[in-house]
Protein backbone atom coordinates (compact mmCIF):
# COMPACT_ATOMS: atom_id res chain seq x y z
CA MET A 1 99.90 101.43 101.34
CA GLY A 2 99.05 102.35 104.62
CA ALA A 3 101.75 103.74 106.54
CA LYS A 4 105.18 105.65 105.29
CA ARG A 5 107.86 106.35 107.36
CA SER A 6 109.67 109.35 105.82
CA ASP A 7 110.25 113.07 107.27
CA ASP A 8 112.18 114.17 104.03
CA PRO A 9 110.61 114.23 100.72
CA GLY A 10 113.93 113.44 99.17
CA ALA A 11 114.77 110.38 101.60
CA ALA A 12 113.33 107.48 99.60
CA ASN A 13 115.28 108.23 97.14
CA GLU A 14 118.51 108.46 99.34
CA ARG A 15 117.89 105.20 101.32
CA PRO A 16 116.75 101.92 100.38
CA GLY A 17 113.28 100.81 100.41
CA LEU A 18 112.00 98.41 103.62
CA VAL A 19 108.19 97.34 103.39
CA LEU A 20 107.39 95.45 106.82
CA LEU A 21 103.97 93.41 106.41
CA PRO A 22 101.77 92.93 109.54
CA GLY A 23 100.10 89.86 110.85
CA LEU A 24 96.31 89.08 111.29
CA LEU A 25 94.78 91.95 113.50
CA ASN A 26 97.76 93.34 113.48
CA ASP A 27 98.34 97.25 111.61
CA SER A 28 101.55 99.35 111.56
CA ASP A 29 101.93 99.78 115.38
CA LEU A 30 103.26 95.58 115.46
CA TRP A 31 106.37 97.13 114.11
CA ALA A 32 106.70 100.45 116.30
CA GLN A 33 109.68 100.14 117.58
CA GLN A 34 111.33 99.01 114.55
CA ILE A 35 110.29 101.79 112.30
CA ALA A 36 112.26 104.26 115.18
CA ASP A 37 115.26 102.17 115.10
CA LEU A 38 115.52 101.54 111.39
CA ASP A 39 113.81 104.82 110.01
CA HIS A 40 117.44 105.97 109.36
CA LEU A 41 118.77 103.12 107.42
CA ALA A 42 115.42 102.98 104.99
CA ASP A 43 112.54 104.37 103.62
CA ILE A 44 109.84 101.79 105.75
CA ARG A 45 106.65 101.16 104.49
CA VAL A 46 104.08 99.62 106.21
CA PRO A 47 100.90 98.25 104.19
CA ASP A 48 97.07 97.66 105.34
CA THR A 49 97.07 93.61 105.18
CA SER A 50 93.51 93.81 105.65
CA SER A 51 92.41 94.77 102.19
CA HIS A 52 92.09 91.88 99.62
CA HIS A 53 90.36 88.32 100.08
CA ALA A 54 93.17 86.46 98.75
CA ILE A 55 97.05 86.44 99.08
CA PRO A 56 97.43 86.97 95.34
CA GLU A 57 95.47 90.13 95.45
CA LEU A 58 97.15 91.67 98.38
CA ALA A 59 100.96 90.58 97.19
CA ARG A 60 99.80 92.72 93.69
CA ALA A 61 98.03 95.92 95.37
CA ILE A 62 101.30 95.87 97.73
CA LEU A 63 103.81 95.82 94.72
CA ALA A 64 101.95 98.21 93.15
CA GLU A 65 102.90 100.85 95.80
CA ALA A 66 106.49 99.15 96.77
CA PRO A 67 109.82 100.73 95.73
CA ALA A 68 111.24 99.33 92.50
CA ARG A 69 113.24 97.14 94.86
CA PHE A 70 113.19 96.41 98.61
CA SER A 71 114.17 94.92 101.74
CA LEU A 72 110.86 92.78 103.07
CA ALA A 73 109.97 91.57 106.15
CA GLY A 74 106.67 89.72 107.24
CA LEU A 75 105.21 88.87 110.57
CA SER A 76 102.63 85.32 110.33
CA MET A 77 100.10 86.51 107.61
CA GLY A 78 102.88 88.50 106.45
CA GLY A 79 104.75 85.96 105.85
CA TYR A 80 102.56 84.52 103.78
CA VAL A 81 102.23 87.72 101.54
CA ALA A 82 106.16 87.96 101.68
CA PHE A 83 106.28 84.20 99.76
CA GLU A 84 103.58 85.29 97.51
CA ILE A 85 105.47 88.44 96.46
CA LEU A 86 108.54 86.22 95.86
CA ARG A 87 106.35 84.18 93.75
CA GLN A 88 105.45 87.25 92.00
CA ALA A 89 108.38 89.71 91.39
CA PRO A 90 111.56 87.91 93.06
CA GLU A 91 113.68 89.83 91.12
CA ARG A 92 112.51 92.98 93.33
CA VAL A 93 112.97 91.97 96.66
CA THR A 94 116.98 92.34 97.62
CA ARG A 95 116.56 90.65 101.05
CA LEU A 96 113.83 88.65 103.11
CA ALA A 97 112.84 88.21 106.93
CA LEU A 98 110.38 85.58 108.00
CA VAL A 99 109.09 86.14 111.79
CA ASN A 100 106.84 84.27 113.61
CA THR A 101 105.74 82.41 110.52
CA SER A 102 105.40 79.27 108.73
CA ALA A 103 105.61 77.87 104.70
CA ARG A 104 103.22 75.49 105.72
CA PRO A 105 99.43 75.75 104.27
CA ASP A 106 96.46 75.58 106.30
CA THR A 107 95.71 72.01 108.02
CA GLU A 108 92.07 70.85 107.48
CA ALA A 109 91.56 71.68 110.97
CA ALA A 110 92.94 74.99 111.45
CA THR A 111 90.67 76.12 108.21
CA SER A 112 87.56 74.28 109.56
CA ARG A 113 88.34 76.78 112.73
CA ARG A 114 88.39 79.86 110.46
CA ARG A 115 85.42 78.94 108.33
CA GLY A 116 83.49 79.28 111.81
CA LEU A 117 85.64 82.67 112.98
CA ILE A 118 84.08 84.20 109.94
CA GLU A 119 80.28 83.11 110.69
CA LEU A 120 80.56 84.56 113.70
CA ALA A 121 82.26 87.72 112.57
CA GLN A 122 79.46 87.65 110.05
CA LYS A 123 76.73 88.09 112.05
CA GLY A 124 78.58 90.54 114.11
CA GLU A 125 79.73 88.91 117.05
CA PHE A 126 83.49 89.81 115.92
CA LYS A 127 85.27 90.33 119.43
CA GLY A 128 88.48 91.18 117.76
CA VAL A 129 91.34 90.16 120.59
CA THR A 130 89.93 88.47 123.56
CA PRO A 131 91.94 87.79 126.78
CA GLN A 132 91.52 84.62 125.95
CA LEU A 133 93.55 84.99 123.22
CA LEU A 134 95.96 86.99 124.44
CA PRO A 135 98.16 83.47 125.75
CA SER A 136 98.27 82.47 121.94
CA LEU A 137 99.94 85.93 121.05
CA LEU A 138 102.11 86.71 124.27
CA SER A 139 104.21 84.61 125.74
CA GLN A 140 103.64 84.12 129.69
CA ARG A 141 105.57 86.80 130.80
CA HIS A 142 104.24 89.73 128.72
CA LEU A 143 100.32 89.00 129.85
CA ALA A 144 100.19 91.07 132.41
CA ASN A 145 102.09 93.98 130.92
CA GLU A 146 98.99 96.13 130.36
CA ALA A 147 100.61 98.39 127.78
CA LEU A 148 101.45 95.76 125.83
CA THR A 149 98.13 93.70 125.42
CA ASN A 150 96.19 97.46 125.31
CA ARG A 151 98.06 97.68 122.59
CA VAL A 152 96.88 94.15 120.68
CA TYR A 153 93.49 95.17 121.72
CA ASP A 154 93.73 98.55 119.73
CA MET A 155 95.71 96.64 116.44
CA ALA A 156 92.36 94.37 116.49
CA ALA A 157 90.10 96.78 117.25
CA ARG A 158 91.46 99.27 114.01
CA VAL A 159 91.88 96.18 111.82
CA GLY A 160 88.11 95.40 112.33
CA ARG A 161 85.70 92.74 111.54
CA GLU A 162 85.14 92.98 107.94
CA GLY A 163 89.01 93.25 107.61
CA PHE A 164 89.51 90.10 109.89
CA ILE A 165 86.67 88.35 107.54
CA ARG A 166 88.95 89.15 104.61
CA GLN A 167 92.23 88.45 106.48
CA GLN A 168 91.04 84.96 107.96
CA HIS A 169 89.57 84.14 103.50
CA ALA A 170 93.10 85.15 102.47
CA ILE A 171 95.23 83.03 105.20
CA MET A 172 93.15 79.98 104.66
CA GLY A 173 93.60 79.94 100.92
CA ARG A 174 97.20 80.47 100.71
CA PRO A 175 99.44 77.63 99.49
CA ASP A 176 102.09 75.65 100.41
CA SER A 177 105.12 77.56 100.46
CA ARG A 178 107.70 75.17 101.39
CA PRO A 179 108.52 74.21 97.91
CA LEU A 180 109.66 77.92 97.32
CA LEU A 181 112.12 77.80 100.49
CA SER A 182 115.12 76.14 98.42
CA GLN A 183 114.69 78.93 95.60
CA ILE A 184 115.33 81.96 97.44
CA ALA A 185 118.23 83.66 96.38
CA VAL A 186 118.68 86.44 98.63
CA PRO A 187 120.43 87.77 102.52
CA THR A 188 117.20 85.75 104.73
CA LEU A 189 117.07 86.15 108.19
CA VAL A 190 114.34 83.68 110.31
CA ILE A 191 113.51 85.05 113.28
CA GLY A 192 111.31 82.98 115.87
CA GLY A 193 109.59 83.03 119.70
CA ARG A 194 110.61 80.74 121.75
CA GLU A 195 107.37 80.80 123.35
CA ASP A 196 105.31 80.56 120.45
CA THR A 197 102.84 78.63 119.78
CA LEU A 198 101.03 79.15 116.25
CA THR A 199 104.26 78.97 114.94
CA PRO A 200 106.74 77.10 117.32
CA PRO A 201 110.69 77.27 117.07
CA GLY A 202 110.43 73.66 115.13
CA ILE A 203 108.57 75.79 112.03
CA ALA A 204 111.45 78.91 112.07
CA GLU A 205 114.03 76.03 111.82
CA GLU A 206 112.30 74.13 108.91
CA MET A 207 112.36 77.63 106.92
CA ALA A 208 115.86 78.51 107.88
CA ALA A 209 117.10 75.00 107.34
CA ALA A 210 115.87 74.95 103.82
CA ILE A 211 116.90 78.48 102.56
CA PRO A 212 120.26 78.69 101.54
CA GLY A 213 122.28 81.01 103.68
CA ALA A 214 119.52 81.69 106.25
CA ASP A 215 120.07 82.92 110.04
CA LEU A 216 118.19 82.02 112.67
CA LEU A 217 117.04 83.88 115.53
CA VAL A 218 115.25 82.14 118.48
CA LEU A 219 114.22 84.74 120.89
CA SER A 220 113.44 84.03 124.75
CA GLY A 221 110.46 85.84 126.27
CA ALA A 222 109.20 85.83 122.97
CA GLY A 223 106.00 84.65 121.78
CA HIS A 224 103.98 85.44 118.44
CA LEU A 225 104.40 88.99 118.28
CA SER A 226 108.11 88.58 118.82
CA PRO A 227 108.87 92.66 117.31
CA MET A 228 106.71 93.83 120.20
CA GLU A 229 107.38 91.82 122.89
CA ARG A 230 111.33 91.90 121.93
CA PRO A 231 111.33 95.05 120.26
CA HIS A 232 115.11 95.95 120.48
CA ALA A 233 115.80 92.51 119.95
CA VAL A 234 114.14 92.53 116.89
CA SER A 235 115.71 95.70 115.72
CA HIS A 236 119.36 94.85 116.73
CA ALA A 237 118.65 91.83 114.23
CA LEU A 238 116.67 93.29 111.04
CA ARG A 239 119.94 96.40 111.66
CA ASP A 240 122.19 93.48 111.07
CA TRP A 241 120.43 91.75 108.23
CA LEU A 242 120.07 94.98 106.72
CA GLU A 243 123.81 96.20 106.94
CA ARG A 244 125.76 93.03 106.84
CA THR A 245 127.31 91.17 103.73
CA TRP A 246 125.78 88.16 103.17
CA THR A 247 127.72 84.77 101.46
CA PRO A 248 124.93 82.59 100.78
CA ASP A 249 127.38 79.14 100.63
CA GLN A 250 127.82 80.20 104.41
CA PRO A 251 125.13 80.19 106.58
CA SER A 252 125.52 81.21 110.14
CA GLU A 253 123.09 80.58 113.12
CA ILE A 254 122.17 83.58 115.44
CA GLY A 255 121.11 80.94 118.12
CA ALA A 256 118.59 81.83 120.66
CA ALA A 257 119.10 85.63 122.22
CA PRO A 258 118.83 85.92 125.73
């Protein structure tokens, strides 16, 4: 299933499961701070989201290695996979966190761009994340943070060309998950980045409004990679999500964090 954080062989039996799903060209380093901050609360697993060409197959592979019941958080592509996991095995998911993601399917223009990127990659022109792409992933204030940008570059390099091609095929084939939102019956947290241009705050608000009892957190100073840009704020929100008793008919909005 990819990265598993557990130093104690018996810990998985003592702590609830938490599956963290990375996005496109991301790996477990996306969630590094959350793994460190939440390890005492949960048996954390970070699957590889670059192993299959289709979301349903990827969801099945993750479910095959996941705990019997678990909390589930996904960023961007990881959110698309989370929706599919809910379609396939809703009884196994105890909590849901949707981070910098969308329930909408690809537009025709987006699918066309993905096909073009796949063709370039197949020709050997895969460049991972480039400096030109960074402004779509990070907020303006983090573009000069060399330590952070190098981590983003390194994640993309580790996913690699073939993983990138598989991810793009999977993403552009995903269904519209908006009809699923009203059926979600587990404690749900929606996190967005105030400066996210790929999945803007309005997308997060749309999901939170449609999911019964969902909480919404929109983080200032965050673009599309909020777990890396505002790591402690995301960890705090996820800790609250894991520990708090939820009342489905009484939604509360966390609101924009400083």
